Every structure is written in structure tokens, then in C-alpha cells.
């Protein structure tokens, strides 16, 4: 029987017989996808000064990464990686949308990133970007006193780790 599912990380709905292994919008793991009727999704969290600074940094990271991946999807010289970068760009844009909701911004800031035509250079840059994001999100999760923010930061560590594995597999 088809059900309505909802990702508690990004808040987006999904229709299917079973929940997907990963949210098709933000990439969150299946543990964060529940029946919509049971989902508790809240982006209106009280922000300490440190949480606000980390959320502002997070939206910058995600906009930068989304812009880079969008560029790489159009320029890279490998057809499969064009698809990979297109998918990653959409996911990173969804991550920026999460932080936009947390920060109560009407729109995300604009990004201005460049990329390469050589696929291996884009994969290397992807690897560096995802590594930096993982380190940042781990630290932000440790610093936050708010359970909801910790949940988002930790979920993003998992998602960015998945992205890291995608670049590693193609670089080896």
C-alpha cells in the first residue's frame, strides 16, 4: 500500500510503498524518514550566538558546494560525473534550504564558484569540499546545546560522508 513519508531533516514528503534508503531531496538516511502522520519537523529553534554563527556558516558551505556542483555538472568531461555532480548540486541546494529555514531567511545567499573541465580535478575538489563539510558539521554538532540542531548537523555528517565515498570511488 502506498504511503506518505516525510524526511524529518529537510521536511520534504515522499510517496511510496516503503521509505527510500535515502531521502531523495536531502540524502538523509532512512532512519530519518517516517510516515508523514508521525513526523515531527521543526525549523523554528532558538539559536544561541554560537548556533547562529554555525548555521550561517553552514548555509555558506552549502550554497558554495551547490554552486560548485552545478558548474561541474555543466563542464566536466565525464558523462557519468556530470550526472553525479547534478545530483549532488540538488542535494547541496536542499541543505542550504534547511539552513534558510532555520535562519528564517526568505532566500539563500547567492554563490559564485568556479569548477574545472577536467573531471579528476572536479572530483578532487569535491573530495576536499566534502571533507571540510564533515569536519565542520561534526564540530558544530558538538558545540550545539539544541537537540534539533544536533540532529541536523549529525545527519549532514552522514550525508556528506556518503558524498565523500562517491568521489573516493571514482578517484581510485
C-alpha atoms as a PDB file:
ATOM      1  CA  UNK A   1       0.000   0.000   0.000  1.00  0.00           C
ATOM      2  CA  UNK A   2       1.327   3.429  -0.939  1.00  0.00           C
ATOM      3  CA  UNK A   3       2.039   5.741   1.987  1.00  0.00           C
ATOM      4  CA  UNK A   4       3.085   9.308   2.530  1.00  0.00           C
ATOM      5  CA  UNK A   5       6.535   9.557   4.106  1.00  0.00           C
ATOM      6  CA  UNK A   6       8.378  12.628   5.374  1.00  0.00           C
ATOM      7  CA  UNK A   7      12.034  13.339   5.974  1.00  0.00           C
ATOM      8  CA  UNK A   8      12.488  14.891   9.409  1.00  0.00           C
ATOM      9  CA  UNK A   9      15.752  16.519   8.329  1.00  0.00           C
ATOM     10  CA  UNK A  10      14.548  18.554   5.329  1.00  0.00           C
ATOM     11  CA  UNK A  11      10.801  18.217   5.917  1.00  0.00           C
ATOM     12  CA  UNK A  12      10.023  17.131   2.364  1.00  0.00           C
ATOM     13  CA  UNK A  13       7.372  14.469   1.624  1.00  0.00           C
ATOM     14  CA  UNK A  14       7.795  11.272  -0.373  1.00  0.00           C
ATOM     15  CA  UNK A  15       5.138   8.915  -1.730  1.00  0.00           C
ATOM     16  CA  UNK A  16       5.950   5.208  -1.841  1.00  0.00           C
ATOM     17  CA  UNK A  17       5.208   1.747  -0.550  1.00  0.00           C
ATOM     18  CA  UNK A  18       8.265   1.864   1.708  1.00  0.00           C
ATOM     19  CA  UNK A  19      10.544   4.675   2.752  1.00  0.00           C
ATOM     20  CA  UNK A  20      13.555   5.146   0.474  1.00  0.00           C
ATOM     21  CA  UNK A  21      17.036   4.237   1.736  1.00  0.00           C
ATOM     22  CA  UNK A  22      17.931   7.924   1.490  1.00  0.00           C
ATOM     23  CA  UNK A  23      15.753  10.997   1.264  1.00  0.00           C
ATOM     24  CA  UNK A  24      15.512  11.796  -2.469  1.00  0.00           C
ATOM     25  CA  UNK A  25      15.769  15.501  -1.636  1.00  0.00           C
ATOM     26  CA  UNK A  26      18.446  15.940   1.054  1.00  0.00           C
ATOM     27  CA  UNK A  27      20.034  12.476   1.147  1.00  0.00           C
ATOM     28  CA  UNK A  28      19.245  11.788   4.826  1.00  0.00           C
ATOM     29  CA  UNK A  29      19.430   8.143   5.792  1.00  0.00           C
ATOM     30  CA  UNK A  30      16.279   6.039   6.091  1.00  0.00           C
ATOM     31  CA  UNK A  31      16.162   6.377   9.884  1.00  0.00           C
ATOM     32  CA  UNK A  32      15.076   9.995   9.343  1.00  0.00           C
ATOM     33  CA  UNK A  33      12.193   9.113   7.014  1.00  0.00           C
ATOM     34  CA  UNK A  34       8.932   8.344   8.822  1.00  0.00           C
ATOM     35  CA  UNK A  35       5.266   8.201   7.931  1.00  0.00           C
ATOM     36  CA  UNK A  36       4.128  11.782   7.475  1.00  0.00           C
ATOM     37  CA  UNK A  37       1.449  11.427  10.161  1.00  0.00           C
ATOM     38  CA  UNK A  38       4.181  10.627  12.703  1.00  0.00           C
ATOM     39  CA  UNK A  39       6.774  13.158  11.527  1.00  0.00           C
ATOM     40  CA  UNK A  40       7.857  15.947  13.836  1.00  0.00           C
ATOM     41  CA  UNK A  41       9.646  18.603  11.804  1.00  0.00           C
ATOM     42  CA  UNK A  42      10.585  21.903  13.382  1.00  0.00           C
ATOM     43  CA  UNK A  43      12.905  24.529  11.974  1.00  0.00           C
ATOM     44  CA  UNK A  44      11.958  27.258  14.459  1.00  0.00           C
ATOM     45  CA  UNK A  45      14.617  26.604  17.041  1.00  0.00           C
ATOM     46  CA  UNK A  46      16.073  29.114  19.491  1.00  0.00           C
ATOM     47  CA  UNK A  47      19.564  29.986  18.298  1.00  0.00           C
ATOM     48  CA  UNK A  48      22.372  30.770  20.670  1.00  0.00           C
ATOM     49  CA  UNK A  49      25.062  33.052  19.320  1.00  0.00           C
ATOM     50  CA  UNK A  50      27.251  30.026  18.534  1.00  0.00           C
ATOM     51  CA  UNK A  51      24.384  28.106  16.861  1.00  0.00           C
ATOM     52  CA  UNK A  52      23.512  31.132  14.739  1.00  0.00           C
ATOM     53  CA  UNK A  53      27.141  31.507  13.669  1.00  0.00           C
ATOM     54  CA  UNK A  54      27.322  27.795  12.793  1.00  0.00           C
ATOM     55  CA  UNK A  55      24.017  27.925  10.871  1.00  0.00           C
ATOM     56  CA  UNK A  56      25.236  30.984   8.954  1.00  0.00           C
ATOM     57  CA  UNK A  57      28.485  29.182   8.147  1.00  0.00           C
ATOM     58  CA  UNK A  58      26.502  26.078   7.142  1.00  0.00           C
ATOM     59  CA  UNK A  59      24.386  27.952   4.620  1.00  0.00           C
ATOM     60  CA  UNK A  60      27.554  29.453   3.112  1.00  0.00           C
ATOM     61  CA  UNK A  61      29.119  25.974   2.828  1.00  0.00           C
ATOM     62  CA  UNK A  62      26.018  24.500   1.202  1.00  0.00           C
ATOM     63  CA  UNK A  63      25.466  27.366  -1.243  1.00  0.00           C
ATOM     64  CA  UNK A  64      29.132  27.230  -2.221  1.00  0.00           C
ATOM     65  CA  UNK A  65      29.007  23.473  -2.732  1.00  0.00           C
ATOM     66  CA  UNK A  66      25.709  23.618  -4.657  1.00  0.00           C
ATOM     67  CA  UNK A  67      27.145  26.288  -6.961  1.00  0.00           C
ATOM     68  CA  UNK A  68      30.358  24.306  -7.496  1.00  0.00           C
ATOM     69  CA  UNK A  69      28.463  21.106  -8.314  1.00  0.00           C
ATOM     70  CA  UNK A  70      26.140  22.920 -10.694  1.00  0.00           C
ATOM     71  CA  UNK A  71      29.170  24.312 -12.503  1.00  0.00           C
ATOM     72  CA  UNK A  72      30.900  20.911 -12.588  1.00  0.00           C
ATOM     73  CA  UNK A  73      27.750  19.240 -13.947  1.00  0.00           C
ATOM     74  CA  UNK A  74      27.924  21.530 -16.950  1.00  0.00           C
ATOM     75  CA  UNK A  75      31.669  21.469 -17.579  1.00  0.00           C
ATOM     76  CA  UNK A  76      33.223  18.187 -16.519  1.00  0.00           C
ATOM     77  CA  UNK A  77      34.491  15.916 -19.293  1.00  0.00           C
ATOM     78  CA  UNK A  78      32.952  12.694 -17.915  1.00  0.00           C
ATOM     79  CA  UNK A  79      29.272  11.951 -18.711  1.00  0.00           C
ATOM     80  CA  UNK A  80      28.621   9.873 -15.578  1.00  0.00           C
ATOM     81  CA  UNK A  81      30.154  12.506 -13.328  1.00  0.00           C
ATOM     82  CA  UNK A  82      28.008  15.166 -14.987  1.00  0.00           C
ATOM     83  CA  UNK A  83      25.042  13.233 -13.597  1.00  0.00           C
ATOM     84  CA  UNK A  84      26.728  12.783 -10.224  1.00  0.00           C
ATOM     85  CA  UNK A  85      27.519  16.479  -9.921  1.00  0.00           C
ATOM     86  CA  UNK A  86      23.994  17.414 -10.987  1.00  0.00           C
ATOM     87  CA  UNK A  87      22.552  15.168  -8.248  1.00  0.00           C
ATOM     88  CA  UNK A  88      24.987  16.476  -5.645  1.00  0.00           C
ATOM     89  CA  UNK A  89      24.181  20.064  -6.615  1.00  0.00           C
ATOM     90  CA  UNK A  90      20.489  19.451  -5.974  1.00  0.00           C
ATOM     91  CA  UNK A  91      21.191  17.817  -2.621  1.00  0.00           C
ATOM     92  CA  UNK A  92      23.506  20.617  -1.502  1.00  0.00           C
ATOM     93  CA  UNK A  93      20.871  23.182  -2.541  1.00  0.00           C
ATOM     94  CA  UNK A  94      18.372  21.313  -0.352  1.00  0.00           C
ATOM     95  CA  UNK A  95      20.854  21.510   2.529  1.00  0.00           C
ATOM     96  CA  UNK A  96      21.045  25.269   2.009  1.00  0.00           C
ATOM     97  CA  UNK A  97      17.233  25.341   2.156  1.00  0.00           C
ATOM     98  CA  UNK A  98      17.341  23.608   5.547  1.00  0.00           C
ATOM     99  CA  UNK A  99      19.603  26.328   6.919  1.00  0.00           C
ATOM    100  CA  UNK A 100      17.497  29.022   5.264  1.00  0.00           C
ATOM    101  CA  UNK A 101      14.506  27.697   7.247  1.00  0.00           C
ATOM    102  CA  UNK A 102      16.500  27.544  10.498  1.00  0.00           C
ATOM    103  CA  UNK A 103      17.775  31.097   9.980  1.00  0.00           C
ATOM    104  CA  UNK A 104      14.332  32.295   8.799  1.00  0.00           C
ATOM    105  CA  UNK A 105      15.725  33.765   5.582  1.00  0.00           C
ATOM    106  CA  UNK A 106      13.437  34.434   2.642  1.00  0.00           C
ATOM    107  CA  UNK A 107      16.125  33.223   0.232  1.00  0.00           C
ATOM    108  CA  UNK A 108      19.581  31.719   0.367  1.00  0.00           C
ATOM    109  CA  UNK A 109      22.595  33.888  -0.427  1.00  0.00           C
ATOM    110  CA  UNK A 110      23.988  33.661  -3.952  1.00  0.00           C
ATOM    111  CA  UNK A 111      27.002  31.527  -4.705  1.00  0.00           C
ATOM    112  CA  UNK A 112      29.854  32.307  -7.060  1.00  0.00           C
ATOM    113  CA  UNK A 113      32.005  29.218  -7.554  1.00  0.00           C
ATOM    114  CA  UNK A 114      34.117  28.028 -10.436  1.00  0.00           C
ATOM    115  CA  UNK A 115      34.948  24.495 -11.484  1.00  0.00           C
ATOM    116  CA  UNK A 116      37.123  22.626 -13.968  1.00  0.00           C
ATOM    117  CA  UNK A 117      36.618  20.895 -17.274  1.00  0.00           C
ATOM    118  CA  UNK A 118      38.903  18.036 -16.168  1.00  0.00           C
ATOM    119  CA  UNK A 119      36.842  15.510 -14.252  1.00  0.00           C
ATOM    120  CA  UNK A 120      39.637  14.397 -11.922  1.00  0.00           C
ATOM    121  CA  UNK A 121      40.124  17.997 -10.761  1.00  0.00           C
ATOM    122  CA  UNK A 122      36.408  18.306 -10.013  1.00  0.00           C
ATOM    123  CA  UNK A 123      36.449  15.006  -8.124  1.00  0.00           C
ATOM    124  CA  UNK A 124      39.449  16.135  -6.095  1.00  0.00           C
ATOM    125  CA  UNK A 125      37.745  19.419  -5.280  1.00  0.00           C
ATOM    126  CA  UNK A 126      34.542  17.564  -4.385  1.00  0.00           C
ATOM    127  CA  UNK A 127      36.556  15.384  -2.019  1.00  0.00           C
ATOM    128  CA  UNK A 128      38.121  18.434  -0.356  1.00  0.00           C
ATOM    129  CA  UNK A 129      34.768  20.216  -0.029  1.00  0.00           C
ATOM    130  CA  UNK A 130      33.028  17.200   1.478  1.00  0.00           C
ATOM    131  CA  UNK A 131      35.908  16.592   3.897  1.00  0.00           C
ATOM    132  CA  UNK A 132      35.740  20.209   5.108  1.00  0.00           C
ATOM    133  CA  UNK A 133      31.953  19.988   5.483  1.00  0.00           C
ATOM    134  CA  UNK A 134      32.210  16.801   7.559  1.00  0.00           C
ATOM    135  CA  UNK A 135      34.790  18.335   9.908  1.00  0.00           C
ATOM    136  CA  UNK A 136      32.685  21.484  10.271  1.00  0.00           C
ATOM    137  CA  UNK A 137      29.400  19.636  10.904  1.00  0.00           C
ATOM    138  CA  UNK A 138      30.971  17.319  13.481  1.00  0.00           C
ATOM    139  CA  UNK A 139      32.307  20.327  15.380  1.00  0.00           C
ATOM    140  CA  UNK A 140      29.008  22.204  15.101  1.00  0.00           C
ATOM    141  CA  UNK A 141      27.111  19.160  16.428  1.00  0.00           C
ATOM    142  CA  UNK A 142      29.432  19.003  19.430  1.00  0.00           C
ATOM    143  CA  UNK A 143      29.053  22.724  20.118  1.00  0.00           C
ATOM    144  CA  UNK A 144      25.260  22.886  19.915  1.00  0.00           C
ATOM    145  CA  UNK A 145      23.067  22.615  23.004  1.00  0.00           C
ATOM    146  CA  UNK A 146      19.894  22.202  20.954  1.00  0.00           C
ATOM    147  CA  UNK A 147      18.776  18.629  20.166  1.00  0.00           C
ATOM    148  CA  UNK A 148      17.166  19.555  16.833  1.00  0.00           C
ATOM    149  CA  UNK A 149      20.297  21.323  15.585  1.00  0.00           C
ATOM    150  CA  UNK A 150      22.461  18.421  16.745  1.00  0.00           C
ATOM    151  CA  UNK A 151      20.147  16.106  14.779  1.00  0.00           C
ATOM    152  CA  UNK A 152      20.529  18.166  11.603  1.00  0.00           C
ATOM    153  CA  UNK A 153      24.304  18.559  11.985  1.00  0.00           C
ATOM    154  CA  UNK A 154      24.771  14.818  12.615  1.00  0.00           C
ATOM    155  CA  UNK A 155      22.541  13.827   9.694  1.00  0.00           C
ATOM    156  CA  UNK A 156      24.558  16.122   7.429  1.00  0.00           C
ATOM    157  CA  UNK A 157      27.788  14.456   8.593  1.00  0.00           C
ATOM    158  CA  UNK A 158      26.346  11.129   7.381  1.00  0.00           C
ATOM    159  CA  UNK A 159      25.147  12.592   4.087  1.00  0.00           C
ATOM    160  CA  UNK A 160      28.411  14.389   3.343  1.00  0.00           C
ATOM    161  CA  UNK A 161      30.285  11.180   4.205  1.00  0.00           C
ATOM    162  CA  UNK A 162      28.192   9.402   1.562  1.00  0.00           C
ATOM    163  CA  UNK A 163      29.227  12.123  -0.908  1.00  0.00           C
ATOM    164  CA  UNK A 164      32.860  11.680   0.085  1.00  0.00           C
ATOM    165  CA  UNK A 165      32.627   7.960  -0.705  1.00  0.00           C
ATOM    166  CA  UNK A 166      31.218   8.764  -4.149  1.00  0.00           C
ATOM    167  CA  UNK A 167      34.263  10.880  -5.041  1.00  0.00           C
ATOM    168  CA  UNK A 168      36.677   8.375  -3.462  1.00  0.00           C
ATOM    169  CA  UNK A 169      35.235   5.529  -5.534  1.00  0.00           C
ATOM    170  CA  UNK A 170      35.767   7.492  -8.739  1.00  0.00           C
ATOM    171  CA  UNK A 171      39.272   8.674  -7.803  1.00  0.00           C
ATOM    172  CA  UNK A 172      40.575   5.152  -7.067  1.00  0.00           C
END
